[in-house]
Amino acid sequence: MTRITCLAMAMLALMASAAYARPIDWQAELDRCRALRQNMAPLLLAGEGTSGVARSGVAARRCVWIERRTARRNITGGDSR
């Protein structure tokens, strides 16, 4: 049983490291953030919180991170709001 557990933990570690190793398609991420912002704006104006709109805020936090990174790297479209 412990061998299976150790093997499963090793596989999870390998999969997790591979998930973060992929290159980021900045333009596609910026497009997703723009779409999210357009969908969120009416709901936020209606009084809904970010957690109710963006899956506990994960998508909103990722968009903030993407927008900051693109602005720092001077990627086209990164500083548009």
N, C-alpha and C. Protein backbone atom coordinates (compact mmCIF):
# COMPACT_ATOMS: atom_id res chain seq x y z
N MET A 1 0.82 -1.19 0.00
CA MET A 1 0.00 0.00 0.00
C MET A 1 0.87 1.26 0.00
N THR A 2 1.97 1.24 0.74
CA THR A 2 2.82 2.43 0.78
C THR A 2 3.52 2.65 -0.55
N ARG A 3 3.82 1.59 -1.28
CA ARG A 3 4.43 1.75 -2.60
C ARG A 3 3.48 2.48 -3.55
N ILE A 4 2.22 2.10 -3.50
CA ILE A 4 1.23 2.75 -4.36
C ILE A 4 1.09 4.22 -3.99
N THR A 5 1.09 4.50 -2.69
CA THR A 5 0.98 5.89 -2.24
C THR A 5 2.19 6.70 -2.69
N CYS A 6 3.37 6.14 -2.55
CA CYS A 6 4.59 6.84 -2.97
C CYS A 6 4.59 7.07 -4.48
N LEU A 7 4.17 6.09 -5.22
CA LEU A 7 4.10 6.22 -6.67
C LEU A 7 3.09 7.30 -7.07
N ALA A 8 1.95 7.29 -6.40
CA ALA A 8 0.93 8.30 -6.70
C ALA A 8 1.43 9.70 -6.38
N MET A 9 2.13 9.86 -5.26
CA MET A 9 2.67 11.17 -4.90
C MET A 9 3.72 11.63 -5.91
N ALA A 10 4.56 10.72 -6.35
CA ALA A 10 5.58 11.07 -7.34
C ALA A 10 4.93 11.48 -8.67
N MET A 11 3.89 10.76 -9.07
CA MET A 11 3.19 11.11 -10.31
C MET A 11 2.52 12.48 -10.20
N LEU A 12 1.92 12.77 -9.06
CA LEU A 12 1.30 14.07 -8.86
C LEU A 12 2.33 15.19 -8.92
N ALA A 13 3.48 14.97 -8.34
CA ALA A 13 4.54 15.98 -8.37
C ALA A 13 5.02 16.23 -9.79
N LEU A 14 5.16 15.17 -10.56
CA LEU A 14 5.58 15.34 -11.96
C LEU A 14 4.52 16.05 -12.78
N MET A 15 3.26 15.72 -12.55
CA MET A 15 2.19 16.36 -13.31
C MET A 15 2.07 17.84 -12.93
N ALA A 16 2.24 18.15 -11.67
CA ALA A 16 2.12 19.54 -11.22
C ALA A 16 3.23 20.40 -11.80
N SER A 17 4.45 19.87 -11.86
CA SER A 17 5.55 20.65 -12.41
C SER A 17 5.39 20.84 -13.91
N ALA A 18 4.83 19.88 -14.59
CA ALA A 18 4.62 19.99 -16.03
C ALA A 18 3.51 21.00 -16.35
N ALA A 19 2.55 21.12 -15.45
CA ALA A 19 1.44 22.04 -15.70
C ALA A 19 1.90 23.49 -15.71
N TYR A 20 2.90 23.82 -14.92
CA TYR A 20 3.39 25.19 -14.86
C TYR A 20 4.48 25.48 -15.87
N ALA A 21 4.96 24.47 -16.57
CA ALA A 21 6.08 24.65 -17.48
C ALA A 21 5.65 25.12 -18.87
N ARG A 22 4.37 25.11 -19.17
CA ARG A 22 3.94 25.46 -20.52
C ARG A 22 4.07 26.97 -20.73
N PRO A 23 4.40 27.37 -21.95
CA PRO A 23 4.49 28.80 -22.25
C PRO A 23 3.10 29.44 -22.25
N ILE A 24 3.07 30.72 -21.94
CA ILE A 24 1.80 31.43 -21.86
C ILE A 24 1.53 32.13 -23.18
N ASP A 25 0.34 31.93 -23.71
CA ASP A 25 -0.11 32.66 -24.89
C ASP A 25 -0.72 33.97 -24.39
N TRP A 26 0.10 35.01 -24.37
CA TRP A 26 -0.29 36.27 -23.75
C TRP A 26 -1.52 36.88 -24.39
N GLN A 27 -1.58 36.85 -25.71
CA GLN A 27 -2.70 37.48 -26.39
C GLN A 27 -4.01 36.76 -26.08
N ALA A 28 -3.97 35.44 -26.05
CA ALA A 28 -5.18 34.68 -25.72
C ALA A 28 -5.61 34.94 -24.27
N GLU A 29 -4.65 35.04 -23.36
CA GLU A 29 -4.97 35.32 -21.97
C GLU A 29 -5.58 36.71 -21.83
N LEU A 30 -5.03 37.69 -22.55
CA LEU A 30 -5.59 39.04 -22.50
C LEU A 30 -7.01 39.06 -23.06
N ASP A 31 -7.25 38.30 -24.11
CA ASP A 31 -8.60 38.22 -24.67
C ASP A 31 -9.58 37.62 -23.66
N ARG A 32 -9.14 36.58 -22.94
CA ARG A 32 -9.99 35.97 -21.91
C ARG A 32 -10.30 36.97 -20.81
N CYS A 33 -9.29 37.76 -20.43
CA CYS A 33 -9.48 38.75 -19.37
C CYS A 33 -10.45 39.84 -19.81
N ARG A 34 -10.34 40.27 -21.05
CA ARG A 34 -11.28 41.29 -21.55
C ARG A 34 -12.71 40.75 -21.56
N ALA A 35 -12.87 39.51 -21.98
CA ALA A 35 -14.20 38.90 -21.99
C ALA A 35 -14.74 38.76 -20.57
N LEU A 36 -13.88 38.36 -19.65
CA LEU A 36 -14.30 38.23 -18.25
C LEU A 36 -14.71 39.58 -17.70
N ARG A 37 -13.93 40.62 -17.99
CA ARG A 37 -14.26 41.95 -17.50
C ARG A 37 -15.60 42.43 -18.07
N GLN A 38 -15.85 42.16 -19.33
CA GLN A 38 -17.11 42.58 -19.94
C GLN A 38 -18.30 41.84 -19.31
N ASN A 39 -18.10 40.58 -18.96
CA ASN A 39 -19.17 39.81 -18.33
C ASN A 39 -19.36 40.18 -16.87
N MET A 40 -18.27 40.55 -16.20
CA MET A 40 -18.34 40.85 -14.78
C MET A 40 -18.89 42.25 -14.49
N ALA A 41 -18.62 43.21 -15.36
CA ALA A 41 -18.97 44.61 -15.08
C ALA A 41 -20.45 44.79 -14.71
N PRO A 42 -21.39 44.27 -15.50
CA PRO A 42 -22.80 44.47 -15.13
C PRO A 42 -23.16 43.81 -13.80
N LEU A 43 -22.57 42.65 -13.54
CA LEU A 43 -22.88 41.95 -12.29
C LEU A 43 -22.31 42.70 -11.09
N LEU A 44 -21.09 43.22 -11.24
CA LEU A 44 -20.49 43.98 -10.14
C LEU A 44 -21.27 45.27 -9.89
N LEU A 45 -21.72 45.91 -10.95
CA LEU A 45 -22.53 47.12 -10.79
C LEU A 45 -23.87 46.81 -10.12
N ALA A 46 -24.37 45.59 -10.32
CA ALA A 46 -25.63 45.18 -9.70
C ALA A 46 -25.46 44.78 -8.24
N GLY A 47 -24.22 44.76 -7.76
CA GLY A 47 -23.99 44.46 -6.35
C GLY A 47 -23.46 43.07 -6.07
N GLU A 48 -23.22 42.28 -7.09
CA GLU A 48 -22.64 40.95 -6.87
C GLU A 48 -21.15 41.11 -6.55
N GLY A 49 -20.65 40.26 -5.69
CA GLY A 49 -19.24 40.28 -5.37
C GLY A 49 -18.42 39.50 -6.37
N THR A 50 -17.12 39.72 -6.35
CA THR A 50 -16.23 39.02 -7.28
C THR A 50 -16.31 37.52 -7.09
N SER A 51 -16.48 37.06 -5.86
CA SER A 51 -16.53 35.62 -5.62
C SER A 51 -17.75 34.98 -6.26
N GLY A 52 -18.83 35.71 -6.37
CA GLY A 52 -20.02 35.16 -6.99
C GLY A 52 -19.94 35.15 -8.50
N VAL A 53 -19.03 35.93 -9.04
CA VAL A 53 -18.95 36.08 -10.49
C VAL A 53 -17.85 35.24 -11.09
N ALA A 54 -16.71 35.19 -10.47
CA ALA A 54 -15.51 34.62 -11.10
C ALA A 54 -14.95 33.41 -10.37
N ARG A 55 -15.78 32.45 -10.07
CA ARG A 55 -15.31 31.20 -9.45
C ARG A 55 -14.38 31.47 -8.28
N SER A 56 -14.89 32.08 -7.25
CA SER A 56 -14.14 32.40 -6.04
C SER A 56 -13.01 33.37 -6.30
N GLY A 57 -13.08 34.11 -7.34
CA GLY A 57 -12.08 35.13 -7.61
C GLY A 57 -10.82 34.62 -8.28
N VAL A 58 -10.73 33.33 -8.55
CA VAL A 58 -9.52 32.77 -9.16
C VAL A 58 -9.28 33.37 -10.55
N ALA A 59 -10.31 33.43 -11.36
CA ALA A 59 -10.17 33.98 -12.70
C ALA A 59 -9.83 35.46 -12.65
N ALA A 60 -10.43 36.18 -11.71
CA ALA A 60 -10.15 37.60 -11.57
C ALA A 60 -8.71 37.83 -11.14
N ARG A 61 -8.22 37.03 -10.19
CA ARG A 61 -6.83 37.17 -9.74
C ARG A 61 -5.86 36.83 -10.86
N ARG A 62 -6.18 35.79 -11.65
CA ARG A 62 -5.31 35.44 -12.77
C ARG A 62 -5.27 36.57 -13.79
N CYS A 63 -6.41 37.20 -14.04
CA CYS A 63 -6.43 38.31 -14.98
C CYS A 63 -5.59 39.48 -14.48
N VAL A 64 -5.67 39.76 -13.21
CA VAL A 64 -4.83 40.83 -12.65
C VAL A 64 -3.37 40.49 -12.84
N TRP A 65 -3.00 39.23 -12.56
CA TRP A 65 -1.60 38.81 -12.72
C TRP A 65 -1.17 38.91 -14.18
N ILE A 66 -2.01 38.44 -15.10
CA ILE A 66 -1.69 38.49 -16.53
C ILE A 66 -1.50 39.93 -16.98
N GLU A 67 -2.41 40.80 -16.57
CA GLU A 67 -2.32 42.20 -17.00
C GLU A 67 -1.06 42.88 -16.45
N ARG A 68 -0.69 42.58 -15.22
CA ARG A 68 0.54 43.15 -14.65
C ARG A 68 1.78 42.64 -15.39
N ARG A 69 1.79 41.34 -15.66
CA ARG A 69 2.96 40.76 -16.35
C ARG A 69 3.11 41.32 -17.76
N THR A 70 2.00 41.45 -18.47
CA THR A 70 2.10 41.97 -19.84
C THR A 70 2.52 43.43 -19.84
N ALA A 71 2.09 44.19 -18.84
CA ALA A 71 2.51 45.59 -18.75
C ALA A 71 4.01 45.68 -18.46
N ARG A 72 4.51 44.82 -17.58
CA ARG A 72 5.95 44.83 -17.26
C ARG A 72 6.80 44.40 -18.44
N ARG A 73 6.29 43.45 -19.22
CA ARG A 73 7.06 42.92 -20.35
C ARG A 73 6.82 43.72 -21.63
N ASN A 74 6.00 44.75 -21.55
CA ASN A 74 5.68 45.60 -22.70
C ASN A 74 5.11 44.78 -23.86
N ILE A 75 4.24 43.85 -23.54
CA ILE A 75 3.55 43.05 -24.55
C ILE A 75 2.39 43.85 -25.10
N THR A 76 2.19 43.82 -26.39
CA THR A 76 1.14 44.58 -27.04
C THR A 76 -0.22 44.28 -26.43
N GLY A 77 -0.93 45.31 -26.04
CA GLY A 77 -2.26 45.14 -25.45
C GLY A 77 -2.24 44.89 -23.96
N GLY A 78 -1.09 44.89 -23.34
CA GLY A 78 -0.99 44.57 -21.93
C GLY A 78 -1.42 45.67 -21.00
N ASP A 79 -1.36 46.91 -21.46
CA ASP A 79 -1.71 48.00 -20.56
C ASP A 79 -3.10 48.57 -20.83
N SER A 80 -3.86 47.92 -21.68
CA SER A 80 -5.21 48.42 -21.98
C SER A 80 -6.18 47.99 -20.90
N ARG A 81 -7.02 48.88 -20.47
CA ARG A 81 -8.04 48.60 -19.45
C ARG A 81 -9.35 49.12 -19.87
